[in-house]
C-alpha atoms as a PDB file:
ATOM      1  CA  MET A   1      11.010 -11.365 -12.651  1.00  0.00           C
ATOM      2  CA  TRP A   2      11.283 -11.374  -8.857  1.00  0.00           C
ATOM      3  CA  ARG A   3      14.923 -10.593  -8.961  1.00  0.00           C
ATOM      4  CA  LEU A   4      14.024  -7.405 -11.264  1.00  0.00           C
ATOM      5  CA  SER A   5      11.183  -6.223  -9.207  1.00  0.00           C
ATOM      6  CA  SER A   6      11.607  -2.626  -7.787  1.00  0.00           C
ATOM      7  CA  LYS A   7      11.480  -1.784  -4.045  1.00  0.00           C
ATOM      8  CA  GLY A   8       8.398   0.036  -2.520  1.00  0.00           C
ATOM      9  CA  ALA A   9       8.404   2.749   0.116  1.00  0.00           C
ATOM     10  CA  SER A  10       9.191   0.057   2.768  1.00  0.00           C
ATOM     11  CA  GLY A  11      12.519  -0.679   1.054  1.00  0.00           C
ATOM     12  CA  PHE A  12      11.398  -4.068   0.192  1.00  0.00           C
ATOM     13  CA  SER A  13       9.975  -5.882  -2.943  1.00  0.00           C
ATOM     14  CA  SER A  14       8.293  -9.004  -4.197  1.00  0.00           C
ATOM     15  CA  SER A  15      11.625 -10.836  -3.875  1.00  0.00           C
ATOM     16  CA  SER A  16      12.244  -9.919  -0.310  1.00  0.00           C
ATOM     17  CA  THR A  17      12.316 -12.700   2.022  1.00  0.00           C
ATOM     18  CA  ALA A  18      10.778 -13.104   5.449  1.00  0.00           C
ATOM     19  CA  GLU A  19      14.259 -13.207   7.076  1.00  0.00           C
ATOM     20  CA  GLU A  20      15.186 -10.043   5.095  1.00  0.00           C
ATOM     21  CA  VAL A  21      12.151  -8.000   6.085  1.00  0.00           C
ATOM     22  CA  THR A  22      12.614  -8.903   9.802  1.00  0.00           C
ATOM     23  CA  GLN A  23      16.411  -8.657   9.885  1.00  0.00           C
ATOM     24  CA  GLY A  24      17.499  -6.911  13.131  1.00  0.00           C
ATOM     25  CA  ILE A  25      14.226  -6.991  14.810  1.00  0.00           C
ATOM     26  CA  ASP A  26      14.146  -8.499  18.276  1.00  0.00           C
ATOM     27  CA  GLY A  27      10.770 -10.218  19.002  1.00  0.00           C
ATOM     28  CA  SER A  28      11.702 -11.647  22.394  1.00  0.00           C
ATOM     29  CA  GLY A  29       8.958 -11.325  24.889  1.00  0.00           C
ATOM     30  CA  LEU A  30       6.307 -11.375  22.257  1.00  0.00           C
ATOM     31  CA  THR A  31       3.691 -14.330  21.875  1.00  0.00           C
ATOM     32  CA  ALA A  32       2.016 -15.185  18.520  1.00  0.00           C
ATOM     33  CA  ILE A  33      -0.536 -17.644  17.085  1.00  0.00           C
ATOM     34  CA  VAL A  34      -0.177 -18.714  13.717  1.00  0.00           C
ATOM     35  CA  THR A  35      -2.938 -20.787  12.136  1.00  0.00           C
ATOM     36  CA  GLY A  36      -2.138 -23.265   9.470  1.00  0.00           C
ATOM     37  CA  ALA A  37       1.438 -23.561  10.716  1.00  0.00           C
ATOM     38  CA  SER A  38       1.991 -27.116   9.513  1.00  0.00           C
ATOM     39  CA  SER A  39       2.951 -26.238   5.788  1.00  0.00           C
ATOM     40  CA  GLY A  40       3.914 -23.732   3.353  1.00  0.00           C
ATOM     41  CA  ILE A  41       4.100 -20.154   4.227  1.00  0.00           C
ATOM     42  CA  GLY A  42       2.472 -20.810   7.775  1.00  0.00           C
ATOM     43  CA  THR A  43       5.744 -23.026   8.588  1.00  0.00           C
ATOM     44  CA  GLU A  44       8.109 -20.285   7.239  1.00  0.00           C
ATOM     45  CA  THR A  45       6.272 -17.690   9.253  1.00  0.00           C
ATOM     46  CA  VAL A  46       6.757 -19.785  12.389  1.00  0.00           C
ATOM     47  CA  ARG A  47      10.265 -20.340  11.767  1.00  0.00           C
ATOM     48  CA  VAL A  48      11.141 -16.582  11.069  1.00  0.00           C
ATOM     49  CA  LEU A  49       9.142 -15.375  14.111  1.00  0.00           C
ATOM     50  CA  ALA A  50      10.951 -18.070  16.187  1.00  0.00           C
ATOM     51  CA  LEU A  51      14.276 -17.010  14.837  1.00  0.00           C
ATOM     52  CA  ARG A  52      13.458 -13.405  15.920  1.00  0.00           C
ATOM     53  CA  GLY A  53      12.676 -14.541  19.559  1.00  0.00           C
ATOM     54  CA  VAL A  54       8.900 -14.723  19.513  1.00  0.00           C
ATOM     55  CA  HIS A  55       7.249 -17.504  21.352  1.00  0.00           C
ATOM     56  CA  VAL A  56       4.974 -19.073  18.836  1.00  0.00           C
ATOM     57  CA  VAL A  57       1.852 -21.176  19.190  1.00  0.00           C
ATOM     58  CA  MET A  58       1.221 -23.127  16.128  1.00  0.00           C
ATOM     59  CA  ALA A  59      -2.542 -23.694  15.593  1.00  0.00           C
ATOM     60  CA  VAL A  60      -3.106 -26.536  13.341  1.00  0.00           C
ATOM     61  CA  ARG A  61      -5.323 -29.299  12.352  1.00  0.00           C
ATOM     62  CA  ASN A  62      -2.689 -32.053  11.553  1.00  0.00           C
ATOM     63  CA  MET A  63      -0.756 -32.439  14.776  1.00  0.00           C
ATOM     64  CA  ALA A  64       1.419 -35.299  13.481  1.00  0.00           C
ATOM     65  CA  ALA A  65       2.663 -32.925  10.618  1.00  0.00           C
ATOM     66  CA  CYS A  66       3.076 -29.993  13.145  1.00  0.00           C
ATOM     67  CA  ARG A  67       5.330 -32.217  15.442  1.00  0.00           C
ATOM     68  CA  GLU A  68       7.714 -32.659  12.305  1.00  0.00           C
ATOM     69  CA  VAL A  69       7.693 -28.984  11.560  1.00  0.00           C
ATOM     70  CA  LYS A  70       8.457 -28.133  15.417  1.00  0.00           C
ATOM     71  CA  LYS A  71      11.294 -30.748  15.452  1.00  0.00           C
ATOM     72  CA  ALA A  72      12.975 -29.177  12.373  1.00  0.00           C
ATOM     73  CA  ILE A  73      12.559 -25.456  13.724  1.00  0.00           C
ATOM     74  CA  VAL A  74      14.191 -26.500  16.942  1.00  0.00           C
ATOM     75  CA  LYS A  75      16.945 -28.311  15.267  1.00  0.00           C
ATOM     76  CA  GLU A  76      17.706 -25.241  13.294  1.00  0.00           C
ATOM     77  CA  ILE A  77      17.059 -22.776  16.088  1.00  0.00           C
ATOM     78  CA  PRO A  78      17.848 -24.469  19.441  1.00  0.00           C
ATOM     79  CA  ASN A  79      16.371 -21.756  21.434  1.00  0.00           C
ATOM     80  CA  ALA A  80      13.198 -21.554  19.572  1.00  0.00           C
ATOM     81  CA  LYS A  81       9.979 -21.350  21.562  1.00  0.00           C
ATOM     82  CA  VAL A  82       7.400 -22.996  19.659  1.00  0.00           C
ATOM     83  CA  GLN A  83       4.401 -25.058  20.676  1.00  0.00           C
ATOM     84  CA  ALA A  84       1.517 -26.868  18.943  1.00  0.00           C
ATOM     85  CA  MET A  85      -2.130 -26.741  19.681  1.00  0.00           C
ATOM     86  CA  GLU A  86      -4.970 -28.520  17.774  1.00  0.00           C
ATOM     87  CA  LEU A  87      -7.329 -26.288  15.771  1.00  0.00           C
ATOM     88  CA  ASP A  88      -9.760 -27.158  12.935  1.00  0.00           C
ATOM     89  CA  LEU A  89     -11.208 -23.851  11.449  1.00  0.00           C
ATOM     90  CA  SER A  90     -13.945 -25.497   9.706  1.00  0.00           C
ATOM     91  CA  SER A  91     -15.405 -26.448  13.083  1.00  0.00           C
ATOM     92  CA  LEU A  92     -16.788 -23.812  15.259  1.00  0.00           C
ATOM     93  CA  ALA A  93     -16.593 -26.128  18.237  1.00  0.00           C
ATOM     94  CA  SER A  94     -12.811 -26.646  17.641  1.00  0.00           C
ATOM     95  CA  VAL A  95     -12.331 -22.958  17.455  1.00  0.00           C
ATOM     96  CA  ARG A  96     -14.095 -22.385  20.682  1.00  0.00           C
ATOM     97  CA  LYS A  97     -12.061 -25.418  22.334  1.00  0.00           C
ATOM     98  CA  PHE A  98      -8.914 -23.888  21.072  1.00  0.00           C
ATOM     99  CA  ALA A  99      -9.634 -20.382  22.389  1.00  0.00           C
ATOM    100  CA  SER A 100     -10.719 -21.814  25.653  1.00  0.00           C
ATOM    101  CA  GLU A 101      -7.450 -23.864  26.155  1.00  0.00           C
ATOM    102  CA  PHE A 102      -5.208 -20.966  24.984  1.00  0.00           C
ATOM    103  CA  LYS A 103      -6.827 -18.690  27.574  1.00  0.00           C
ATOM    104  CA  SER A 104      -6.559 -21.363  30.336  1.00  0.00           C
ATOM    105  CA  SER A 105      -2.887 -21.639  29.523  1.00  0.00           C
ATOM    106  CA  GLY A 106      -2.281 -18.012  30.948  1.00  0.00           C
ATOM    107  CA  LEU A 107      -0.166 -16.998  27.949  1.00  0.00           C
ATOM    108  CA  PRO A 108      -0.203 -13.413  26.658  1.00  0.00           C
ATOM    109  CA  LEU A 109      -0.988 -12.730  23.038  1.00  0.00           C
ATOM    110  CA  ASN A 110       0.616  -9.892  21.195  1.00  0.00           C
ATOM    111  CA  ILE A 111       0.323 -11.256  17.531  1.00  0.00           C
ATOM    112  CA  LEU A 112      -2.426 -13.170  15.899  1.00  0.00           C
ATOM    113  CA  ILE A 113      -1.836 -14.407  12.408  1.00  0.00           C
ATOM    114  CA  ASN A 114      -4.803 -15.888  10.504  1.00  0.00           C
ATOM    115  CA  ASN A 115      -2.886 -17.606   8.013  1.00  0.00           C
ATOM    116  CA  ALA A 116      -4.858 -20.890   7.275  1.00  0.00           C
ATOM    117  CA  GLY A 117      -6.885 -21.634   4.296  1.00  0.00           C
ATOM    118  CA  ILE A 118      -8.284 -23.912   1.627  1.00  0.00           C
ATOM    119  CA  MET A 119      -8.494 -23.011  -2.013  1.00  0.00           C
ATOM    120  CA  ALA A 120     -10.958 -23.933  -4.808  1.00  0.00           C
ATOM    121  CA  THR A 121     -12.481 -27.015  -3.309  1.00  0.00           C
ATOM    122  CA  PRO A 122     -15.349 -28.673  -4.902  1.00  0.00           C
ATOM    123  CA  PHE A 123     -18.826 -27.599  -3.195  1.00  0.00           C
ATOM    124  CA  MET A 124     -18.862 -29.101   0.293  1.00  0.00           C
ATOM    125  CA  LEU A 125     -20.453 -28.064   3.688  1.00  0.00           C
ATOM    126  CA  SER A 126     -18.470 -27.767   6.853  1.00  0.00           C
ATOM    127  CA  LYS A 127     -19.432 -29.649  10.088  1.00  0.00           C
ATOM    128  CA  ASP A 128     -21.638 -26.691  10.898  1.00  0.00           C
ATOM    129  CA  ASN A 129     -23.290 -26.770   7.381  1.00  0.00           C
ATOM    130  CA  ILE A 130     -21.540 -23.725   5.928  1.00  0.00           C
ATOM    131  CA  GLU A 131     -19.779 -23.733   2.476  1.00  0.00           C
ATOM    132  CA  LEU A 132     -16.464 -25.028   3.385  1.00  0.00           C
ATOM    133  CA  GLN A 133     -14.146 -22.246   1.953  1.00  0.00           C
ATOM    134  CA  PHE A 134     -16.226 -19.652   3.590  1.00  0.00           C
ATOM    135  CA  ALA A 135     -16.281 -21.429   6.854  1.00  0.00           C
ATOM    136  CA  THR A 136     -12.596 -22.359   6.898  1.00  0.00           C
ATOM    137  CA  ASN A 137     -11.174 -19.090   5.505  1.00  0.00           C
ATOM    138  CA  HIS A 138     -13.449 -16.467   7.027  1.00  0.00           C
ATOM    139  CA  ILE A 139     -15.978 -17.673   9.670  1.00  0.00           C
ATOM    140  CA  GLY A 140     -13.370 -19.800  11.621  1.00  0.00           C
ATOM    141  CA  HIS A 141     -11.002 -16.973  11.651  1.00  0.00           C
ATOM    142  CA  PHE A 142     -13.760 -14.473  12.570  1.00  0.00           C
ATOM    143  CA  LEU A 143     -14.832 -16.324  15.640  1.00  0.00           C
ATOM    144  CA  LEU A 144     -11.326 -17.106  16.751  1.00  0.00           C
ATOM    145  CA  THR A 145     -10.270 -13.438  16.573  1.00  0.00           C
ATOM    146  CA  ASN A 146     -13.248 -12.309  18.502  1.00  0.00           C
ATOM    147  CA  LEU A 147     -12.711 -15.008  21.298  1.00  0.00           C
ATOM    148  CA  LEU A 148      -9.169 -13.872  21.649  1.00  0.00           C
ATOM    149  CA  LEU A 149      -9.558 -10.053  21.541  1.00  0.00           C
ATOM    150  CA  GLU A 150     -10.033  -9.682  25.299  1.00  0.00           C
ATOM    151  CA  THR A 151      -6.598 -11.672  25.805  1.00  0.00           C
ATOM    152  CA  MET A 152      -4.968  -9.510  23.160  1.00  0.00           C
ATOM    153  CA  GLY A 153      -6.277  -6.284  24.773  1.00  0.00           C
ATOM    154  CA  LYS A 154      -5.054  -7.353  28.212  1.00  0.00           C
ATOM    155  CA  THR A 155      -1.625  -8.039  26.966  1.00  0.00           C
ATOM    156  CA  ALA A 156      -1.446  -4.748  25.195  1.00  0.00           C
ATOM    157  CA  ARG A 157      -2.301  -2.766  28.192  1.00  0.00           C
ATOM    158  CA  GLU A 158       0.059  -4.705  30.514  1.00  0.00           C
ATOM    159  CA  SER A 159       3.051  -4.630  28.085  1.00  0.00           C
ATOM    160  CA  SER A 160       2.418  -1.287  26.653  1.00  0.00           C
ATOM    161  CA  LYS A 161       2.974  -2.810  23.185  1.00  0.00           C
ATOM    162  CA  GLU A 162       0.654  -2.612  20.310  1.00  0.00           C
ATOM    163  CA  GLY A 163      -1.025  -5.895  19.438  1.00  0.00           C
ATOM    164  CA  ARG A 164      -1.237  -6.824  15.806  1.00  0.00           C
ATOM    165  CA  ILE A 165      -3.742  -9.008  13.855  1.00  0.00           C
ATOM    166  CA  VAL A 166      -2.743 -10.178  10.413  1.00  0.00           C
ATOM    167  CA  ASN A 167      -5.289 -11.593   8.027  1.00  0.00           C
ATOM    168  CA  VAL A 168      -3.768 -13.483   5.180  1.00  0.00           C
ATOM    169  CA  SER A 169      -6.074 -12.645   2.252  1.00  0.00           C
ATOM    170  CA  SER A 170      -5.332 -12.852  -1.530  1.00  0.00           C
ATOM    171  CA  ARG A 171      -5.350 -10.891  -4.764  1.00  0.00           C
ATOM    172  CA  ARG A 172      -8.073 -13.251  -5.636  1.00  0.00           C
ATOM    173  CA  HIS A 173     -10.389 -11.054  -3.363  1.00  0.00           C
ATOM    174  CA  GLN A 174     -10.875  -9.028  -6.629  1.00  0.00           C
ATOM    175  CA  PHE A 175     -12.503 -12.134  -8.223  1.00  0.00           C
ATOM    176  CA  SER A 176     -15.289 -12.957  -6.049  1.00  0.00           C
ATOM    177  CA  TYR A 177     -18.916 -13.385  -7.166  1.00  0.00           C
ATOM    178  CA  PRO A 178     -20.333 -10.074  -8.833  1.00  0.00           C
ATOM    179  CA  GLU A 179     -22.187  -9.136  -5.750  1.00  0.00           C
ATOM    180  CA  GLY A 180     -19.144  -9.721  -3.559  1.00  0.00           C
ATOM    181  CA  ILE A 181     -20.654 -11.784  -0.733  1.00  0.00           C
ATOM    182  CA  ARG A 182     -23.615 -14.058  -1.541  1.00  0.00           C
ATOM    183  CA  PHE A 183     -25.317 -13.395   1.702  1.00  0.00           C
ATOM    184  CA  ASP A 184     -28.510 -15.150   0.693  1.00  0.00           C
ATOM    185  CA  ARG A 185     -26.845 -17.912  -1.101  1.00  0.00           C
ATOM    186  CA  ILE A 186     -23.666 -18.843   0.951  1.00  0.00           C
ATOM    187  CA  ASN A 187     -24.709 -22.451   1.002  1.00  0.00           C
ATOM    188  CA  ASP A 188     -26.356 -22.624  -2.589  1.00  0.00           C
ATOM    189  CA  GLN A 189     -24.734 -25.417  -4.555  1.00  0.00           C
ATOM    190  CA  SER A 190     -26.358 -24.103  -7.765  1.00  0.00           C
ATOM    191  CA  GLY A 191     -24.171 -21.407  -9.135  1.00  0.00           C
ATOM    192  CA  TYR A 192     -21.401 -22.569  -7.013  1.00  0.00           C
ATOM    193  CA  ASN A 193     -17.952 -21.741  -8.611  1.00  0.00           C
ATOM    194  CA  ARG A 194     -14.915 -22.833  -6.629  1.00  0.00           C
ATOM    195  CA  PHE A 195     -12.675 -20.077  -7.830  1.00  0.00           C
ATOM    196  CA  SER A 196     -15.499 -17.468  -7.128  1.00  0.00           C
ATOM    197  CA  ALA A 197     -16.105 -19.070  -3.712  1.00  0.00           C
ATOM    198  CA  TYR A 198     -12.448 -18.769  -2.768  1.00  0.00           C
ATOM    199  CA  GLY A 199     -12.406 -15.178  -4.040  1.00  0.00           C
ATOM    200  CA  GLN A 200     -15.539 -14.580  -1.722  1.00  0.00           C
ATOM    201  CA  SER A 201     -13.706 -15.935   1.263  1.00  0.00           C
ATOM    202  CA  LYS A 202     -10.702 -13.841   0.644  1.00  0.00           C
ATOM    203  CA  LEU A 203     -12.708 -10.690   0.181  1.00  0.00           C
ATOM    204  CA  ALA A 204     -14.394 -11.648   3.382  1.00  0.00           C
ATOM    205  CA  ASN A 205     -10.865 -11.619   5.034  1.00  0.00           C
ATOM    206  CA  VAL A 206     -10.272  -7.993   3.896  1.00  0.00           C
ATOM    207  CA  LEU A 207     -13.781  -6.912   4.941  1.00  0.00           C
ATOM    208  CA  HIS A 208     -13.347  -8.485   8.249  1.00  0.00           C
ATOM    209  CA  THR A 209      -9.962  -6.737   8.680  1.00  0.00           C
ATOM    210  CA  ASN A 210     -11.309  -3.367   7.850  1.00  0.00           C
ATOM    211  CA  GLU A 211     -14.457  -3.608  10.123  1.00  0.00           C
ATOM    212  CA  LEU A 212     -12.394  -4.870  13.010  1.00  0.00           C
ATOM    213  CA  ALA A 213      -9.751  -2.248  12.499  1.00  0.00           C
ATOM    214  CA  ARG A 214     -12.539   0.392  12.757  1.00  0.00           C
ATOM    215  CA  ARG A 215     -14.062  -1.001  15.908  1.00  0.00           C
ATOM    216  CA  LEU A 216     -10.714  -1.383  17.584  1.00  0.00           C
ATOM    217  CA  LYS A 217      -9.902   2.144  16.851  1.00  0.00           C
ATOM    218  CA  GLU A 218     -13.483   3.464  17.954  1.00  0.00           C
ATOM    219  CA  ASP A 219     -12.933   1.481  21.311  1.00  0.00           C
ATOM    220  CA  GLY A 220      -9.539   2.800  21.843  1.00  0.00           C
ATOM    221  CA  VAL A 221      -7.825  -0.540  22.082  1.00  0.00           C
ATOM    222  CA  ASP A 222      -4.159  -0.723  21.168  1.00  0.00           C
ATOM    223  CA  ILE A 223      -4.515  -3.362  18.629  1.00  0.00           C
ATOM    224  CA  THR A 224      -4.008  -2.995  14.844  1.00  0.00           C
ATOM    225  CA  ALA A 225      -5.585  -5.238  12.279  1.00  0.00           C
ATOM    226  CA  ASN A 226      -4.184  -5.406   8.487  1.00  0.00           C
ATOM    227  CA  SER A 227      -4.601  -7.878   5.673  1.00  0.00           C
ATOM    228  CA  VAL A 228      -1.951  -9.154   3.272  1.00  0.00           C
ATOM    229  CA  HIS A 229      -1.607 -10.930   0.000  1.00  0.00           C
ATOM    230  CA  PRO A 230       1.377 -13.212   0.085  1.00  0.00           C
ATOM    231  CA  GLY A 231       1.685 -13.581  -3.709  1.00  0.00           C
ATOM    232  CA  ALA A 232       1.411 -16.640  -5.803  1.00  0.00           C
ATOM    233  CA  ILE A 233       3.271 -19.525  -3.974  1.00  0.00           C
ATOM    234  CA  THR A 234       3.829 -23.168  -4.752  1.00  0.00           C
ATOM    235  CA  THR A 235       2.119 -24.528  -1.492  1.00  0.00           C
ATOM    236  CA  ASN A 236      -0.282 -27.374  -0.615  1.00  0.00           C
ATOM    237  CA  LEU A 237      -3.015 -24.491  -1.046  1.00  0.00           C
ATOM    238  CA  PHE A 238      -3.050 -25.589  -4.706  1.00  0.00           C
ATOM    239  CA  ARG A 239      -3.557 -29.286  -4.175  1.00  0.00           C
ATOM    240  CA  ASN A 240      -7.275 -29.053  -5.716  1.00  0.00           C
ATOM    241  CA  ILE A 241      -5.857 -27.405  -8.846  1.00  0.00           C
ATOM    242  CA  SER A 242      -4.380 -29.991 -11.242  1.00  0.00           C
ATOM    243  CA  PHE A 243      -3.370 -27.501 -13.943  1.00  0.00           C
ATOM    244  CA  PHE A 244      -1.379 -25.341 -11.687  1.00  0.00           C
ATOM    245  CA  SER A 245       1.625 -27.745 -11.442  1.00  0.00           C
ATOM    246  CA  GLY A 246       1.810 -27.447 -15.235  1.00  0.00           C
ATOM    247  CA  LEU A 247       1.774 -23.629 -14.847  1.00  0.00           C
ATOM    248  CA  VAL A 248       4.523 -23.636 -12.453  1.00  0.00           C
ATOM    249  CA  GLY A 249       6.511 -25.822 -14.781  1.00  0.00           C
ATOM    250  CA  LEU A 250       6.057 -23.368 -17.681  1.00  0.00           C
ATOM    251  CA  LEU A 251       6.507 -20.156 -15.791  1.00  0.00           C
ATOM    252  CA  GLY A 252       8.505 -21.125 -12.673  1.00  0.00           C
ATOM    253  CA  LYS A 253      10.688 -18.593 -10.697  1.00  0.00           C
ATOM    254  CA  TYR A 254       9.543 -15.816 -13.105  1.00  0.00           C
ATOM    255  CA  VAL A 255       6.022 -15.616 -11.853  1.00  0.00           C
ATOM    256  CA  ILE A 256       5.824 -17.828  -8.643  1.00  0.00           C
ATOM    257  CA  LYS A 257       7.226 -16.739  -5.296  1.00  0.00           C
ATOM    258  CA  ASN A 258       9.148 -19.341  -3.121  1.00  0.00           C
ATOM    259  CA  VAL A 259       7.971 -19.892   0.437  1.00  0.00           C
ATOM    260  CA  GLU A 260      10.587 -17.660   2.059  1.00  0.00           C
ATOM    261  CA  GLN A 261       9.277 -14.743  -0.289  1.00  0.00           C
ATOM    262  CA  GLY A 262       5.776 -15.788   0.331  1.00  0.00           C
ATOM    263  CA  ALA A 263       5.853 -15.298   3.941  1.00  0.00           C
ATOM    264  CA  ALA A 264       7.639 -11.905   3.879  1.00  0.00           C
ATOM    265  CA  THR A 265       4.578  -9.674   3.920  1.00  0.00           C
ATOM    266  CA  THR A 266       2.973 -11.476   6.880  1.00  0.00           C
ATOM    267  CA  CYS A 267       6.205 -11.286   8.856  1.00  0.00           C
ATOM    268  CA  TYR A 268       6.795  -7.663   7.835  1.00  0.00           C
ATOM    269  CA  VAL A 269       3.260  -6.574   8.898  1.00  0.00           C
ATOM    270  CA  ALA A 270       3.551  -8.719  12.086  1.00  0.00           C
ATOM    271  CA  LEU A 271       6.785  -7.370  13.250  1.00  0.00           C
ATOM    272  CA  HIS A 272       8.355  -4.423  11.595  1.00  0.00           C
ATOM    273  CA  PRO A 273       8.471  -1.103  13.547  1.00  0.00           C
ATOM    274  CA  HIS A 274       7.472   0.892  10.406  1.00  0.00           C
ATOM    275  CA  VAL A 275       3.899  -0.777  10.433  1.00  0.00           C
ATOM    276  CA  LYS A 276       3.512   0.620  14.156  1.00  0.00           C
ATOM    277  CA  GLY A 277      -0.043   2.455  14.178  1.00  0.00           C
ATOM    278  CA  LEU A 278      -1.092   1.433  10.753  1.00  0.00           C
ATOM    279  CA  THR A 279      -4.429  -0.235  10.660  1.00  0.00           C
ATOM    280  CA  GLY A 280      -7.100  -1.210   8.350  1.00  0.00           C
ATOM    281  CA  SER A 281      -4.495  -1.459   5.447  1.00  0.00           C
ATOM    282  CA  TYR A 282      -4.035  -4.047   2.922  1.00  0.00           C
ATOM    283  CA  PHE A 283      -0.415  -5.073   2.000  1.00  0.00           C
ATOM    284  CA  ALA A 284       1.464  -6.790  -0.893  1.00  0.00           C
ATOM    285  CA  ASP A 285       5.021  -7.332  -1.368  1.00  0.00           C
ATOM    286  CA  SER A 286       5.670  -5.933   2.054  1.00  0.00           C
ATOM    287  CA  ASN A 287       4.338  -2.405   1.094  1.00  0.00           C
ATOM    288  CA  VAL A 288       0.835  -0.829   1.504  1.00  0.00           C
ATOM    289  CA  ALA A 289      -1.219  -1.832  -1.500  1.00  0.00           C
ATOM    290  CA  GLN A 290      -4.631  -0.964  -3.090  1.00  0.00           C
ATOM    291  CA  ALA A 291      -7.524  -3.454  -2.335  1.00  0.00           C
ATOM    292  CA  SER A 292     -10.505  -3.738  -4.769  1.00  0.00           C
ATOM    293  CA  SER A 293     -13.529  -1.244  -4.574  1.00  0.00           C
ATOM    294  CA  GLN A 294     -15.461  -3.925  -2.841  1.00  0.00           C
ATOM    295  CA  ALA A 295     -13.043  -4.736  -0.369  1.00  0.00           C
ATOM    296  CA  VAL A 296     -13.004  -0.934   1.062  1.00  0.00           C
ATOM    297  CA  ASN A 297     -16.868  -0.754   1.037  1.00  0.00           C
ATOM    298  CA  THR A 298     -17.503   0.071   4.722  1.00  0.00           C
ATOM    299  CA  GLU A 299     -21.356  -0.730   4.407  1.00  0.00           C
ATOM    300  CA  LEU A 300     -20.437  -4.143   2.886  1.00  0.00           C
ATOM    301  CA  ALA A 301     -17.957  -4.699   5.741  1.00  0.00           C
ATOM    302  CA  GLN A 302     -20.557  -3.875   8.495  1.00  0.00           C
ATOM    303  CA  LYS A 303     -23.065  -6.058   6.783  1.00  0.00           C
ATOM    304  CA  LEU A 304     -20.625  -8.945   6.673  1.00  0.00           C
ATOM    305  CA  TRP A 305     -19.637  -8.583  10.364  1.00  0.00           C
ATOM    306  CA  ASP A 306     -23.459  -8.721  11.348  1.00  0.00           C
ATOM    307  CA  PHE A 307     -24.061 -11.611   9.034  1.00  0.00           C
ATOM    308  CA  SER A 308     -20.970 -13.532  10.268  1.00  0.00           C
ATOM    309  CA  SER A 309     -22.082 -13.049  14.029  1.00  0.00           C
ATOM    310  CA  ASP A 310     -25.515 -14.034  13.150  1.00  0.00           C
ATOM    311  CA  LEU A 311     -24.457 -17.163  11.345  1.00  0.00           C
ATOM    312  CA  ILE A 312     -22.253 -18.373  14.164  1.00  0.00           C
ATOM    313  CA  TYR A 313     -25.181 -17.620  16.578  1.00  0.00           C
ATOM    314  CA  ARG A 314     -27.578 -19.857  14.563  1.00  0.00           C
ATOM    315  CA  CYS A 315     -24.897 -22.522  14.236  1.00  0.00           C
ATOM    316  CA  SER A 316     -24.506 -22.644  17.938  1.00  0.00           C
ATOM    317  CA  GLN A 317     -28.340 -22.746  18.639  1.00  0.00           C
ATOM    318  CA  ASN A 318     -28.490 -25.968  16.183  1.00  0.00           C
ATOM    319  CA  SER A 319     -25.583 -27.613  17.674  1.00  0.00           C
END
């Protein structure tokens, strides 16, 4: 199916790879942070950004696995500028520690790729007593982004280069709970559905992106924010879904993207000159796509922003 897919306005399609969509782009002089960089599309995103000359900071929970990834990338690309820093997005304290250490390093920041995520976990609470998928996929990235905005703005001003924030969402954002975000029942175990909870966190990614884009534009900051759907990919994200391996066996390459194709849209939005100036958009298959009606609801986006800020504040008061 991927081989028969048609190209969109960008000239790319669902079968395009991350290397193909960044062919000929010189990313030297740019610095990027990629969360969840120790496996799957995160690793491929780091590899391709490094291949294009970008200095990449891998923000990861598993430092041992990341060291192996870094070793493999440097072996393939001897001039690669890659480094690892520890980050557990399910912990607000870890997010704050990472942001503080990054800012202390004095590095600029042109690109922030909020890629890390977990999917369809049984009901669990994070260290801050927030439902784990919402905490990891949305709240952690929401706080991380806010803590790094000043550095990104400074880099954009001093380099005269547009900063870019890429939030990796999913088409599953269309399959949240009926009300979209369960503001009054985020931590309610009764009625918890692991797939709807995943959809809720991915809807939050798109809503966060859109409200962030609006605020940055309003403040006249030269930073764009866009969300992406990478496609269905065989990665560790599906480790909690036993039937998925059987689905892959049945449908294989006809429905499922490989990692090289899965990282394409992220890399396209992060680096391609055709995306310059575009903000508050949702991309799939390296083309602008249509998000759900809930995802483009500006009132819901503003409500989520206020809710997220208040939740983080309350957690900090209790810690």
